[in-house]
Amino acid sequence: ASPIAATATAEATATQIASGPVEVDALWFSSNGTSVQGGTSHVRVQVRENTSGDLRVGFFESEVGGSGPQWRSAGWMAVITASLLLSENPADYEFSFDVAGRIDGPSAGALMTVAVLAALHGDSINPEVTMTGTINPDGTIGPVGGIPHKLEGAAAAGKTTVLVPGGQRYDYDYALGQSVDLVQAGQALGITVKVVPDIYTAYRELTGV
């Protein structure tokens, strides 16, 4: 077993919860008006027992203003959605999101929800798999932009599989100026692109559970 898995098992025995940390690579893309690029930001999600009775969600940054307001909102949404899906009281836990680099936007909401669920369950996430997509209160995954460029970032980070929102097989490539087939775009980069409609499907693809 990996050190992370062993730690999760030990802490779960001690506190009756699985406290991670669970590590994922969130996808992003950016444009300066003349060029566009995609990349990844490493995120560590941790859940700990909380006896204060107050809901606590924390965000740690490696640089000033590293996580924007939409990113933090997505983190809150991940906590609330995961708690609703498991019928858990989120005030029983303390959640933290530790992000490396600068990131903003809601498009990692579904990935962070899976990470929170995995931390609560004691499951690990396949480091070769990542995803992009917002999270809705009912567990469905919403559309996002810049996926062709996020695929390039995923390939550069060594990912082999990228999950994209259901109904979004095609997305606009800003470099080409046209919509592209994401499955074909992934194949050209050596990546398998899978369309996932909801958090349940995403969880199975990311954790194997």
Protein backbone atom coordinates (compact mmCIF):
# COMPACT_ATOMS: atom_id res chain seq x y z
CA ALA A 1 0.00 0.00 0.00
CA SER A 2 1.12 3.55 -0.62
CA PRO A 3 2.14 5.80 2.30
CA ILE A 4 -0.94 7.94 1.66
CA ALA A 5 -3.25 4.91 1.74
CA ALA A 6 -1.58 3.62 4.89
CA THR A 7 -1.95 7.00 6.58
CA ALA A 8 -5.61 7.21 5.61
CA THR A 9 -6.27 3.75 7.05
CA ALA A 10 -4.51 4.53 10.31
CA GLU A 11 -6.25 7.84 10.81
CA ALA A 12 -9.63 6.35 9.89
CA THR A 13 -9.20 3.79 12.66
CA ALA A 14 -8.31 6.50 15.17
CA THR A 15 -11.04 9.00 14.33
CA GLN A 16 -13.70 6.93 12.56
CA ILE A 17 -13.21 9.05 9.46
CA ALA A 18 -10.81 8.82 6.55
CA SER A 19 -8.77 12.01 6.64
CA GLY A 20 -6.57 11.73 3.59
CA PRO A 21 -4.92 13.73 2.37
CA VAL A 22 -6.28 13.09 -1.12
CA GLU A 23 -4.22 14.62 -3.91
CA VAL A 24 -5.46 15.64 -7.35
CA ASP A 25 -4.30 17.77 -10.27
CA ALA A 26 -6.83 20.39 -11.30
CA LEU A 27 -6.88 21.44 -14.95
CA TRP A 28 -6.83 25.08 -16.07
CA PHE A 29 -6.38 27.19 -19.17
CA SER A 30 -5.46 30.82 -19.66
CA SER A 31 -5.18 33.31 -22.50
CA ASN A 32 -3.42 36.64 -22.85
CA GLY A 33 -5.35 37.60 -25.98
CA THR A 34 -2.74 36.34 -28.42
CA SER A 35 -1.95 32.86 -27.14
CA VAL A 36 -3.64 30.24 -24.99
CA GLN A 37 -2.20 27.54 -22.79
CA GLY A 38 -3.36 24.80 -20.44
CA GLY A 39 -1.85 23.33 -17.32
CA THR A 40 -2.42 21.66 -13.97
CA SER A 41 -2.36 22.80 -10.36
CA HIS A 42 -1.72 20.28 -7.61
CA VAL A 43 -4.39 20.26 -4.90
CA ARG A 44 -4.32 18.45 -1.57
CA VAL A 45 -7.71 17.88 0.04
CA GLN A 46 -7.92 16.87 3.69
CA VAL A 47 -10.82 16.07 6.01
CA ARG A 48 -10.45 15.92 9.78
CA GLU A 49 -12.78 15.35 12.67
CA ASN A 50 -14.25 18.57 14.09
CA THR A 51 -15.72 18.74 17.58
CA SER A 52 -16.38 22.50 17.67
CA GLY A 53 -19.82 22.17 16.08
CA ASP A 54 -18.98 24.93 13.57
CA LEU A 55 -18.58 24.28 9.84
CA ARG A 56 -14.97 24.96 8.89
CA VAL A 57 -13.55 25.08 5.36
CA GLY A 58 -10.00 26.34 4.82
CA PHE A 59 -7.98 27.29 1.75
CA PHE A 60 -4.17 27.29 1.77
CA GLU A 61 -2.09 29.00 -0.91
CA SER A 62 1.54 28.84 -2.00
CA GLU A 63 1.49 32.45 -3.24
CA VAL A 64 -0.43 35.64 -2.49
CA GLY A 65 -3.91 35.46 -4.01
CA GLY A 66 -3.19 31.99 -5.38
CA SER A 67 -6.80 30.87 -5.22
CA GLY A 68 -9.50 33.18 -6.58
CA PRO A 69 -13.07 33.67 -5.31
CA GLN A 70 -14.63 31.30 -7.85
CA TRP A 71 -12.17 28.58 -6.84
CA ARG A 72 -13.04 29.02 -3.16
CA SER A 73 -16.75 28.97 -4.00
CA ALA A 74 -16.20 25.70 -5.86
CA GLY A 75 -14.49 24.30 -2.76
CA TRP A 76 -17.46 25.24 -0.61
CA MET A 77 -19.80 23.68 -3.17
CA ALA A 78 -17.73 20.48 -3.13
CA VAL A 79 -18.02 20.25 0.66
CA ILE A 80 -21.77 20.86 0.72
CA THR A 81 -22.51 18.55 -2.21
CA ALA A 82 -20.38 15.70 -0.87
CA SER A 83 -22.04 16.04 2.53
CA LEU A 84 -25.52 15.98 0.99
CA LEU A 85 -24.71 12.94 -1.14
CA LEU A 86 -23.51 11.03 1.93
CA SER A 87 -26.20 12.41 4.29
CA GLU A 88 -23.39 13.70 6.52
CA ASN A 89 -23.39 16.83 8.67
CA PRO A 90 -20.47 18.88 7.30
CA ALA A 91 -20.09 20.58 10.69
CA ASP A 92 -18.76 17.25 12.01
CA TYR A 93 -15.63 17.71 9.90
CA GLU A 94 -12.96 20.27 9.06
CA PHE A 95 -12.16 20.52 5.35
CA SER A 96 -9.07 22.04 3.77
CA PHE A 97 -7.91 22.67 0.20
CA ASP A 98 -4.21 23.29 -0.33
CA VAL A 99 -3.39 24.49 -3.85
CA ALA A 100 0.00 24.93 -5.48
CA GLY A 101 0.28 27.88 -7.84
CA ARG A 102 -2.44 30.25 -9.01
CA ILE A 103 -5.93 29.07 -9.94
CA ASP A 104 -9.48 30.39 -10.17
CA GLY A 105 -12.80 29.42 -11.72
CA PRO A 106 -15.43 26.78 -10.95
CA SER A 107 -14.28 24.11 -13.41
CA ALA A 108 -12.59 21.89 -10.81
CA GLY A 109 -15.74 21.69 -8.71
CA ALA A 110 -16.54 18.10 -9.67
CA LEU A 111 -12.93 16.98 -9.15
CA MET A 112 -12.83 18.54 -5.70
CA THR A 113 -16.16 16.93 -4.83
CA VAL A 114 -14.72 13.53 -5.72
CA ALA A 115 -11.65 14.35 -3.62
CA VAL A 116 -13.79 15.24 -0.60
CA LEU A 117 -15.83 12.05 -1.02
CA ALA A 118 -12.64 10.00 -1.35
CA ALA A 119 -11.21 11.57 1.80
CA LEU A 120 -14.37 10.71 3.74
CA HIS A 121 -14.40 7.14 2.38
CA GLY A 122 -10.67 6.47 2.62
CA ASP A 123 -10.30 5.85 -1.11
CA SER A 124 -7.35 6.98 -3.21
CA ILE A 125 -7.49 8.68 -6.61
CA ASN A 126 -5.63 7.30 -9.60
CA PRO A 127 -2.83 9.83 -10.27
CA GLU A 128 -3.05 9.16 -14.02
CA VAL A 129 -6.69 10.31 -14.16
CA THR A 130 -8.11 13.81 -13.78
CA MET A 131 -11.20 15.71 -14.85
CA THR A 132 -12.79 19.06 -15.55
CA GLY A 133 -16.36 20.10 -14.89
CA THR A 134 -18.47 22.07 -12.44
CA ILE A 135 -20.60 20.35 -9.80
CA ASN A 136 -24.35 20.83 -9.46
CA PRO A 137 -26.31 20.25 -6.23
CA ASP A 138 -27.90 17.08 -7.65
CA GLY A 139 -24.51 15.55 -8.44
CA THR A 140 -24.59 16.18 -12.18
CA ILE A 141 -21.49 17.65 -13.81
CA GLY A 142 -21.81 20.97 -15.63
CA PRO A 143 -20.03 22.30 -18.73
CA VAL A 144 -16.77 24.24 -18.75
CA GLY A 145 -14.56 25.94 -21.34
CA GLY A 146 -11.07 25.57 -22.74
CA ILE A 147 -11.05 21.77 -22.61
CA PRO A 148 -8.80 21.29 -25.68
CA HIS A 149 -6.12 23.35 -23.92
CA LYS A 150 -6.70 21.59 -20.61
CA LEU A 151 -6.03 18.32 -22.42
CA GLU A 152 -2.65 19.69 -23.47
CA GLY A 153 -1.91 20.54 -19.84
CA ALA A 154 -3.01 17.07 -18.76
CA ALA A 155 -0.73 15.43 -21.34
CA ALA A 156 2.22 17.53 -20.18
CA ALA A 157 1.53 16.37 -16.61
CA GLY A 158 1.57 12.70 -17.65
CA LYS A 159 -2.17 12.03 -17.38
CA THR A 160 -3.57 9.13 -19.40
CA THR A 161 -7.31 9.75 -18.89
CA VAL A 162 -9.33 12.95 -18.67
CA LEU A 163 -13.01 13.03 -17.74
CA VAL A 164 -15.18 15.76 -19.29
CA PRO A 165 -18.79 16.80 -18.60
CA GLY A 166 -21.66 14.83 -20.07
CA GLY A 167 -22.95 16.37 -23.29
CA GLN A 168 -19.64 18.08 -23.97
CA ARG A 169 -17.98 15.80 -26.50
CA TYR A 170 -17.07 18.93 -28.49
CA ASP A 171 -15.52 22.17 -27.27
CA TYR A 172 -14.02 25.32 -28.78
CA ASP A 173 -10.30 25.37 -29.48
CA TYR A 174 -9.14 28.98 -29.20
CA ALA A 175 -5.91 28.32 -31.04
CA LEU A 176 -7.67 26.76 -34.04
CA GLY A 177 -10.68 29.05 -33.88
CA GLN A 178 -13.16 26.20 -34.16
CA SER A 179 -14.93 23.47 -32.23
CA VAL A 180 -13.08 20.15 -31.99
CA ASP A 181 -13.93 16.57 -31.06
CA LEU A 182 -12.42 16.12 -27.60
CA VAL A 183 -12.05 12.37 -27.95
CA GLN A 184 -10.01 12.83 -31.12
CA ALA A 185 -8.06 15.71 -29.60
CA GLY A 186 -7.22 13.48 -26.65
CA GLN A 187 -6.12 10.62 -28.89
CA ALA A 188 -3.70 12.94 -30.69
CA LEU A 189 -2.13 13.69 -27.29
CA GLY A 190 -2.11 10.08 -26.09
CA ILE A 191 -5.01 10.68 -23.70
CA THR A 192 -8.28 8.80 -23.33
CA VAL A 193 -11.17 11.25 -22.99
CA LYS A 194 -14.32 9.98 -21.29
CA VAL A 195 -17.63 11.81 -21.05
CA VAL A 196 -19.15 11.48 -17.57
CA PRO A 197 -22.66 12.73 -16.69
CA ASP A 198 -22.55 12.67 -12.90
CA ILE A 199 -20.39 12.46 -9.81
CA TYR A 200 -21.09 8.75 -9.34
CA THR A 201 -19.59 7.87 -12.71
CA ALA A 202 -16.70 10.26 -12.11
CA TYR A 203 -15.98 8.68 -8.73
CA ARG A 204 -15.73 5.20 -10.22
CA GLU A 205 -13.41 6.42 -12.98
CA LEU A 206 -11.15 8.35 -10.60
CA THR A 207 -10.99 5.85 -7.73
CA GLY A 208 -11.89 2.49 -9.29
CA VAL A 209 -14.45 2.05 -6.52
